[in-house]
Protein backbone atom coordinates (compact mmCIF):
# COMPACT_ATOMS: atom_id res chain seq x y z
CA UNK A 1 14.12 4.38 -2.87
CA UNK A 2 14.26 2.18 0.21
CA UNK A 3 14.03 5.18 2.53
CA UNK A 4 10.98 6.49 0.63
CA UNK A 5 9.31 3.10 0.99
CA UNK A 6 10.00 3.06 4.73
CA UNK A 7 8.37 6.47 5.05
CA UNK A 8 5.39 5.42 2.93
CA UNK A 9 4.99 2.24 4.98
CA UNK A 10 4.95 4.27 8.19
CA UNK A 11 2.33 6.64 6.77
CA UNK A 12 0.07 3.79 5.63
CA UNK A 13 0.53 2.03 8.96
CA UNK A 14 -0.42 5.24 10.78
CA UNK A 15 -3.60 5.58 8.69
CA UNK A 16 -4.57 1.98 9.45
CA UNK A 17 -3.82 2.26 13.16
CA UNK A 18 -5.70 5.55 13.36
CA UNK A 19 -8.74 3.95 11.76
CA UNK A 20 -8.67 0.74 13.79
CA UNK A 21 -7.38 1.93 17.15
CA UNK A 22 -8.08 5.64 17.27
CA UNK A 23 -11.46 5.41 15.53
CA UNK A 24 -10.31 8.17 13.16
CA UNK A 25 -12.67 8.24 10.21
CA UNK A 26 -10.67 10.52 7.92
CA UNK A 27 -8.63 7.77 6.27
CA UNK A 28 -9.72 8.84 2.79
CA UNK A 29 -8.46 12.37 3.33
CA UNK A 30 -5.22 11.03 4.78
CA UNK A 31 -4.79 8.65 1.85
CA UNK A 32 -5.15 11.48 -0.65
CA UNK A 33 -2.03 13.09 0.78
CA UNK A 34 0.16 10.06 0.05
CA UNK A 35 -1.10 9.13 -3.43
CA UNK A 36 2.05 10.53 -5.13
CA UNK A 37 4.31 8.43 -2.90
CA UNK A 38 2.13 5.36 -3.49
CA UNK A 39 2.31 5.92 -7.23
CA UNK A 40 6.10 6.14 -7.05
CA UNK A 41 6.22 2.89 -5.05
CA UNK A 42 3.98 1.05 -7.52
CA UNK A 43 6.09 2.14 -10.47
CA UNK A 44 9.23 1.08 -8.63
CA UNK A 45 7.70 -2.32 -7.81
CA UNK A 46 6.36 -3.16 -11.27
CA UNK A 47 9.35 -2.00 -13.31
CA UNK A 48 11.64 -4.78 -12.11
CA UNK A 49 11.56 -8.05 -10.17
CA UNK A 50 13.30 -6.63 -7.12
CA UNK A 51 12.35 -9.57 -4.92
CA UNK A 52 14.27 -11.95 -7.18
CA UNK A 53 11.45 -14.47 -7.23
CA UNK A 54 10.14 -16.75 -9.95
CA UNK A 55 8.90 -14.67 -12.89
CA UNK A 56 5.45 -16.27 -12.85
CA UNK A 57 5.05 -15.39 -9.17
CA UNK A 58 6.30 -11.87 -9.81
CA UNK A 59 3.76 -11.38 -12.61
CA UNK A 60 0.99 -12.48 -10.24
CA UNK A 61 2.21 -10.04 -7.59
CA UNK A 62 2.14 -7.22 -10.13
CA UNK A 63 -1.42 -8.08 -11.17
CA UNK A 64 -2.50 -8.27 -7.56
CA UNK A 65 -0.92 -4.90 -6.77
CA UNK A 66 -2.92 -3.32 -9.58
CA UNK A 67 -6.10 -4.86 -8.14
CA UNK A 68 -5.24 -3.42 -4.74
CA UNK A 69 -4.82 0.01 -6.33
CA UNK A 70 -8.20 -0.35 -7.99
CA UNK A 71 -9.75 -1.15 -4.61
CA UNK A 72 -8.07 1.88 -3.07
CA UNK A 73 -9.29 4.17 -5.85
CA UNK A 74 -12.80 2.74 -5.77
CA UNK A 75 -12.93 3.14 -1.98
CA UNK A 76 -11.85 6.74 -2.28
CA UNK A 77 -14.32 7.50 -5.07
CA UNK A 78 -17.20 5.90 -3.16
CA UNK A 79 -15.98 7.21 0.20
CA UNK A 80 -15.93 3.64 1.49
CA UNK A 81 -13.69 3.91 4.53
CA UNK A 82 -14.00 0.22 5.39
CA UNK A 83 -12.88 -0.95 1.94
CA UNK A 84 -10.00 1.52 2.04
CA UNK A 85 -8.86 0.28 5.42
CA UNK A 86 -9.09 -3.34 4.31
CA UNK A 87 -7.09 -2.65 1.14
CA UNK A 88 -4.40 -0.90 3.16
CA UNK A 89 -4.28 -3.13 6.24
CA UNK A 90 -4.63 -6.53 4.64
CA UNK A 91 -3.21 -6.03 1.17
CA UNK A 92 -0.89 -3.06 0.65
CA UNK A 93 1.03 -3.44 3.89
CA UNK A 94 1.81 -7.04 2.93
CA UNK A 95 3.67 -5.72 -0.12
CA UNK A 96 5.86 -3.51 2.01
CA UNK A 97 6.60 -6.44 4.30
CA UNK A 98 7.81 -8.64 1.45
CA UNK A 99 11.16 -6.93 1.64
CA UNK A 100 12.36 -7.16 5.23
CA UNK A 101 15.33 -4.88 4.56
CA UNK A 102 12.90 -2.08 3.74
CA UNK A 103 10.33 -2.60 6.47
CA UNK A 104 11.58 -3.38 9.92
CA UNK A 105 9.14 -3.49 12.79
């Protein structure tokens, strides 16, 4: 699973960089292509406390991840490219970075 997460992280990072740096405005279309991988990551994350943190903190992280997904879906439904970029750049990427063994810059 770690290799899949690395690939997903790189894809999300590319979407964000394309939007911010390259002024590419097709981030919604790009996001649609990685929804299955994102779904697999979310299921992997919420099924077990893989970060080995306090259970209360882990429960909060799970709730927050669901809120991020709702933002992503709402942004896609409303074609809100700014909201989508914010949810990816400032929220989702932080989840990938929680596990340094998976995401190495």
